[in-house]
Amino acid sequence: MTLEIYKATQLFPKEEVFGLTSQIRRAVSSIPTNIAEGCGRRTNAELANFLNIASGSASEVEYEILLAKEVGYITAEQCDAWTREIGEIRSMLVAYMKKLKN
C-alpha cells in the first residue's frame, strides 16, 4: 500500500508537495515503520505500543484518502480499494495486539 500511495501521489498537483502529498506519504510509511520498530523492542508491551501508533497512522491515512478523493486527486475506485485495504491492516494490527495480551 505504501508503494501504491507513493506512486499515486506523484500525480497530485505540485502545490500539494508540502501539503496532502507529504502528509499521506508520511502517515502511510509510518505504519510499517512503527511495526518494524516495535518488533525490535524487548517486551510485548513495547511492541503493543508501537502497533497502537501504527493503528493511529492507519486512521490518519484513511482520512487523507477520503480527502484526496473529495478534492479530485484520486478516483472513487482507488479510494474504495485503499479504504478496504487500510481496514484490513487495522484489523490485523488489532488482532496482533490482542494476541500479545494473551
N, C-alpha and C. Protein backbone atom coordinates (compact mmCIF):
# COMPACT_ATOMS: atom_id res chain seq x y z
N MET A 1 0.82 -1.18 0.00
CA MET A 1 0.00 0.00 0.00
C MET A 1 0.87 1.26 0.00
N THR A 2 1.95 1.21 0.74
CA THR A 2 2.85 2.37 0.79
C THR A 2 3.35 2.72 -0.60
N LEU A 3 3.78 1.72 -1.34
CA LEU A 3 4.29 1.97 -2.69
C LEU A 3 3.19 2.48 -3.61
N GLU A 4 1.99 1.94 -3.49
CA GLU A 4 0.87 2.40 -4.32
C GLU A 4 0.57 3.87 -4.06
N ILE A 5 0.57 4.26 -2.81
CA ILE A 5 0.26 5.65 -2.46
C ILE A 5 1.39 6.56 -2.91
N TYR A 6 2.62 6.13 -2.75
CA TYR A 6 3.74 6.95 -3.23
C TYR A 6 3.62 7.20 -4.74
N LYS A 7 3.28 6.16 -5.48
CA LYS A 7 3.13 6.32 -6.93
C LYS A 7 1.96 7.23 -7.27
N ALA A 8 0.84 7.04 -6.61
CA ALA A 8 -0.35 7.85 -6.89
C ALA A 8 -0.12 9.32 -6.56
N THR A 9 0.59 9.59 -5.48
CA THR A 9 0.79 10.98 -5.08
C THR A 9 1.77 11.72 -6.00
N GLN A 10 2.48 11.00 -6.83
CA GLN A 10 3.32 11.66 -7.83
C GLN A 10 2.47 12.47 -8.80
N LEU A 11 1.20 12.08 -8.92
CA LEU A 11 0.28 12.75 -9.84
C LEU A 11 -0.49 13.89 -9.17
N PHE A 12 -0.34 14.05 -7.86
CA PHE A 12 -1.02 15.16 -7.17
C PHE A 12 -0.44 16.48 -7.68
N PRO A 13 -1.20 17.56 -7.60
CA PRO A 13 -0.68 18.86 -8.03
C PRO A 13 0.59 19.25 -7.27
N LYS A 14 1.46 19.96 -7.96
CA LYS A 14 2.75 20.35 -7.36
C LYS A 14 2.56 21.20 -6.10
N GLU A 15 1.47 21.98 -6.04
CA GLU A 15 1.26 22.81 -4.85
C GLU A 15 0.93 21.99 -3.61
N GLU A 16 0.68 20.68 -3.79
CA GLU A 16 0.40 19.80 -2.66
C GLU A 16 1.66 19.10 -2.12
N VAL A 17 2.81 19.37 -2.69
CA VAL A 17 4.04 18.70 -2.27
C VAL A 17 4.25 18.82 -0.77
N PHE A 18 4.01 19.99 -0.21
CA PHE A 18 4.21 20.19 1.23
C PHE A 18 2.90 20.10 2.00
N GLY A 19 1.84 19.71 1.32
CA GLY A 19 0.53 19.56 1.94
C GLY A 19 0.12 18.10 2.01
N LEU A 20 -0.94 17.80 1.28
CA LEU A 20 -1.52 16.45 1.33
C LEU A 20 -0.54 15.37 0.87
N THR A 21 0.26 15.65 -0.15
CA THR A 21 1.23 14.66 -0.62
C THR A 21 2.17 14.25 0.51
N SER A 22 2.72 15.23 1.17
CA SER A 22 3.66 14.96 2.27
C SER A 22 2.96 14.25 3.43
N GLN A 23 1.77 14.71 3.77
CA GLN A 23 1.04 14.13 4.91
C GLN A 23 0.70 12.66 4.69
N ILE A 24 0.14 12.35 3.54
CA ILE A 24 -0.29 10.97 3.30
C ILE A 24 0.91 10.04 3.17
N ARG A 25 1.99 10.54 2.55
CA ARG A 25 3.19 9.71 2.44
C ARG A 25 3.80 9.44 3.82
N ARG A 26 3.86 10.46 4.65
CA ARG A 26 4.42 10.30 5.98
C ARG A 26 3.58 9.30 6.79
N ALA A 27 2.26 9.46 6.72
CA ALA A 27 1.38 8.59 7.51
C ALA A 27 1.42 7.14 7.03
N VAL A 28 1.38 6.93 5.71
CA VAL A 28 1.35 5.56 5.20
C VAL A 28 2.68 4.85 5.46
N SER A 29 3.78 5.58 5.38
CA SER A 29 5.07 4.93 5.65
C SER A 29 5.28 4.72 7.15
N SER A 30 4.54 5.46 7.96
CA SER A 30 4.64 5.30 9.42
C SER A 30 4.07 3.96 9.89
N ILE A 31 3.15 3.40 9.14
CA ILE A 31 2.54 2.13 9.56
C ILE A 31 3.59 1.02 9.62
N PRO A 32 4.25 0.68 8.51
CA PRO A 32 5.25 -0.40 8.59
C PRO A 32 6.48 -0.01 9.41
N THR A 33 6.80 1.29 9.43
CA THR A 33 7.95 1.73 10.22
C THR A 33 7.73 1.47 11.71
N ASN A 34 6.53 1.77 12.21
CA ASN A 34 6.24 1.53 13.62
C ASN A 34 6.14 0.04 13.94
N ILE A 35 5.63 -0.74 13.01
CA ILE A 35 5.60 -2.19 13.22
C ILE A 35 7.02 -2.72 13.34
N ALA A 36 7.88 -2.30 12.42
CA ALA A 36 9.28 -2.75 12.46
C ALA A 36 9.97 -2.31 13.74
N GLU A 37 9.76 -1.07 14.13
CA GLU A 37 10.41 -0.59 15.35
C GLU A 37 9.90 -1.36 16.57
N GLY A 38 8.60 -1.62 16.61
CA GLY A 38 8.04 -2.37 17.73
C GLY A 38 8.59 -3.78 17.82
N CYS A 39 8.80 -4.40 16.66
CA CYS A 39 9.35 -5.76 16.64
C CYS A 39 10.78 -5.79 17.17
N GLY A 40 11.45 -4.67 17.12
CA GLY A 40 12.82 -4.60 17.63
C GLY A 40 12.91 -4.32 19.12
N ARG A 41 11.78 -4.13 19.76
CA ARG A 41 11.77 -3.85 21.20
C ARG A 41 11.82 -5.14 22.00
N ARG A 42 12.07 -4.98 23.28
CA ARG A 42 12.31 -6.15 24.13
C ARG A 42 11.06 -6.78 24.73
N THR A 43 9.99 -6.02 24.87
CA THR A 43 8.81 -6.57 25.55
C THR A 43 7.57 -6.49 24.67
N ASN A 44 6.60 -7.32 24.99
CA ASN A 44 5.32 -7.29 24.29
C ASN A 44 4.60 -5.97 24.52
N ALA A 45 4.76 -5.40 25.70
CA ALA A 45 4.12 -4.11 25.99
C ALA A 45 4.67 -3.02 25.07
N GLU A 46 5.97 -3.02 24.85
CA GLU A 46 6.57 -2.03 23.94
C GLU A 46 6.09 -2.27 22.51
N LEU A 47 6.06 -3.52 22.10
CA LEU A 47 5.58 -3.86 20.76
C LEU A 47 4.13 -3.39 20.61
N ALA A 48 3.29 -3.68 21.59
CA ALA A 48 1.88 -3.27 21.53
C ALA A 48 1.75 -1.76 21.40
N ASN A 49 2.60 -1.01 22.07
CA ASN A 49 2.56 0.45 21.97
C ASN A 49 2.84 0.90 20.54
N PHE A 50 3.83 0.31 19.90
CA PHE A 50 4.16 0.69 18.52
C PHE A 50 3.08 0.22 17.54
N LEU A 51 2.44 -0.91 17.82
CA LEU A 51 1.32 -1.35 17.00
C LEU A 51 0.15 -0.38 17.12
N ASN A 52 -0.05 0.13 18.31
CA ASN A 52 -1.09 1.12 18.54
C ASN A 52 -0.81 2.40 17.75
N ILE A 53 0.43 2.83 17.74
CA ILE A 53 0.83 4.01 16.96
C ILE A 53 0.59 3.75 15.47
N ALA A 54 0.94 2.56 15.01
CA ALA A 54 0.72 2.19 13.61
C ALA A 54 -0.77 2.24 13.28
N SER A 55 -1.60 1.80 14.20
CA SER A 55 -3.05 1.84 14.00
C SER A 55 -3.55 3.27 13.89
N GLY A 56 -2.99 4.16 14.70
CA GLY A 56 -3.35 5.58 14.59
C GLY A 56 -2.95 6.15 13.25
N SER A 57 -1.79 5.75 12.75
CA SER A 57 -1.35 6.20 11.43
C SER A 57 -2.29 5.68 10.35
N ALA A 58 -2.78 4.47 10.52
CA ALA A 58 -3.73 3.90 9.56
C ALA A 58 -5.01 4.74 9.52
N SER A 59 -5.47 5.19 10.67
CA SER A 59 -6.65 6.05 10.71
C SER A 59 -6.39 7.37 10.00
N GLU A 60 -5.20 7.91 10.19
CA GLU A 60 -4.82 9.15 9.51
C GLU A 60 -4.81 8.95 8.00
N VAL A 61 -4.26 7.84 7.53
CA VAL A 61 -4.23 7.55 6.10
C VAL A 61 -5.65 7.43 5.56
N GLU A 62 -6.51 6.79 6.31
CA GLU A 62 -7.90 6.63 5.86
C GLU A 62 -8.54 7.99 5.63
N TYR A 63 -8.37 8.91 6.55
CA TYR A 63 -8.92 10.25 6.37
C TYR A 63 -8.30 10.93 5.14
N GLU A 64 -7.00 10.85 5.00
CA GLU A 64 -6.32 11.52 3.90
C GLU A 64 -6.72 10.94 2.54
N ILE A 65 -7.02 9.65 2.49
CA ILE A 65 -7.52 9.03 1.28
C ILE A 65 -8.88 9.63 0.92
N LEU A 66 -9.74 9.76 1.91
CA LEU A 66 -11.06 10.35 1.67
C LEU A 66 -10.94 11.79 1.20
N LEU A 67 -10.03 12.53 1.81
CA LEU A 67 -9.80 13.92 1.40
C LEU A 67 -9.30 13.99 -0.03
N ALA A 68 -8.35 13.12 -0.37
CA ALA A 68 -7.81 13.09 -1.73
C ALA A 68 -8.91 12.81 -2.75
N LYS A 69 -9.84 11.95 -2.40
CA LYS A 69 -10.97 11.68 -3.30
C LYS A 69 -11.86 12.91 -3.42
N GLU A 70 -12.16 13.54 -2.30
CA GLU A 70 -13.07 14.69 -2.31
C GLU A 70 -12.52 15.86 -3.11
N VAL A 71 -11.22 16.05 -3.12
CA VAL A 71 -10.63 17.16 -3.89
C VAL A 71 -10.29 16.74 -5.32
N GLY A 72 -10.57 15.48 -5.66
CA GLY A 72 -10.42 15.02 -7.03
C GLY A 72 -9.04 14.53 -7.42
N TYR A 73 -8.20 14.18 -6.43
CA TYR A 73 -6.85 13.71 -6.74
C TYR A 73 -6.80 12.21 -7.01
N ILE A 74 -7.77 11.47 -6.47
CA ILE A 74 -7.86 10.03 -6.74
C ILE A 74 -9.30 9.70 -7.11
N THR A 75 -9.48 8.57 -7.75
CA THR A 75 -10.82 8.15 -8.15
C THR A 75 -11.56 7.53 -6.97
N ALA A 76 -12.86 7.43 -7.13
CA ALA A 76 -13.68 6.75 -6.12
C ALA A 76 -13.26 5.29 -5.99
N GLU A 77 -12.87 4.69 -7.11
CA GLU A 77 -12.44 3.29 -7.09
C GLU A 77 -11.15 3.12 -6.29
N GLN A 78 -10.19 4.04 -6.51
CA GLN A 78 -8.95 3.99 -5.72
C GLN A 78 -9.27 4.18 -4.24
N CYS A 79 -10.12 5.13 -3.96
CA CYS A 79 -10.49 5.40 -2.57
C CYS A 79 -11.11 4.17 -1.92
N ASP A 80 -12.06 3.55 -2.60
CA ASP A 80 -12.72 2.36 -2.05
C ASP A 80 -11.73 1.22 -1.82
N ALA A 81 -10.85 0.98 -2.78
CA ALA A 81 -9.87 -0.10 -2.65
C ALA A 81 -8.93 0.17 -1.49
N TRP A 82 -8.41 1.38 -1.40
CA TRP A 82 -7.47 1.71 -0.33
C TRP A 82 -8.16 1.74 1.04
N THR A 83 -9.40 2.17 1.07
CA THR A 83 -10.14 2.17 2.34
C THR A 83 -10.33 0.74 2.83
N ARG A 84 -10.66 -0.16 1.93
CA ARG A 84 -10.77 -1.59 2.31
C ARG A 84 -9.43 -2.11 2.80
N GLU A 85 -8.37 -1.78 2.08
CA GLU A 85 -7.04 -2.26 2.45
C GLU A 85 -6.61 -1.72 3.81
N ILE A 86 -6.86 -0.45 4.06
CA ILE A 86 -6.47 0.13 5.34
C ILE A 86 -7.31 -0.49 6.47
N GLY A 87 -8.56 -0.83 6.17
CA GLY A 87 -9.39 -1.54 7.16
C GLY A 87 -8.82 -2.90 7.50
N GLU A 88 -8.33 -3.61 6.49
CA GLU A 88 -7.71 -4.91 6.72
C GLU A 88 -6.43 -4.76 7.55
N ILE A 89 -5.65 -3.75 7.24
CA ILE A 89 -4.41 -3.51 8.00
C ILE A 89 -4.75 -3.23 9.45
N ARG A 90 -5.74 -2.37 9.68
CA ARG A 90 -6.13 -2.05 11.05
C ARG A 90 -6.62 -3.29 11.78
N SER A 91 -7.39 -4.13 11.11
CA SER A 91 -7.86 -5.38 11.72
C SER A 91 -6.71 -6.29 12.11
N MET A 92 -5.71 -6.39 11.24
CA MET A 92 -4.54 -7.22 11.55
C MET A 92 -3.78 -6.66 12.75
N LEU A 93 -3.67 -5.34 12.83
CA LEU A 93 -2.98 -4.73 13.96
C LEU A 93 -3.72 -5.00 15.26
N VAL A 94 -5.04 -4.87 15.24
CA VAL A 94 -5.84 -5.13 16.44
C VAL A 94 -5.71 -6.59 16.86
N ALA A 95 -5.76 -7.51 15.91
CA ALA A 95 -5.63 -8.93 16.22
C ALA A 95 -4.26 -9.23 16.83
N TYR A 96 -3.23 -8.60 16.29
CA TYR A 96 -1.88 -8.80 16.80
C TYR A 96 -1.77 -8.26 18.23
N MET A 97 -2.35 -7.09 18.48
CA MET A 97 -2.30 -6.52 19.83
C MET A 97 -3.04 -7.41 20.83
N LYS A 98 -4.18 -7.97 20.41
CA LYS A 98 -4.94 -8.87 21.29
C LYS A 98 -4.12 -10.12 21.60
N LYS A 99 -3.43 -10.64 20.60
CA LYS A 99 -2.61 -11.83 20.79
C LYS A 99 -1.49 -11.56 21.80
N LEU A 100 -0.95 -10.37 21.76
CA LEU A 100 0.13 -10.02 22.70
C LEU A 100 -0.34 -9.98 24.14
N LYS A 101 -1.62 -9.65 24.34
CA LYS A 101 -2.18 -9.57 25.70
C LYS A 101 -2.45 -10.94 26.29
N ASN A 102 -2.58 -11.97 25.44
CA ASN A 102 -2.88 -13.33 25.93
C ASN A 102 -1.66 -14.05 26.41
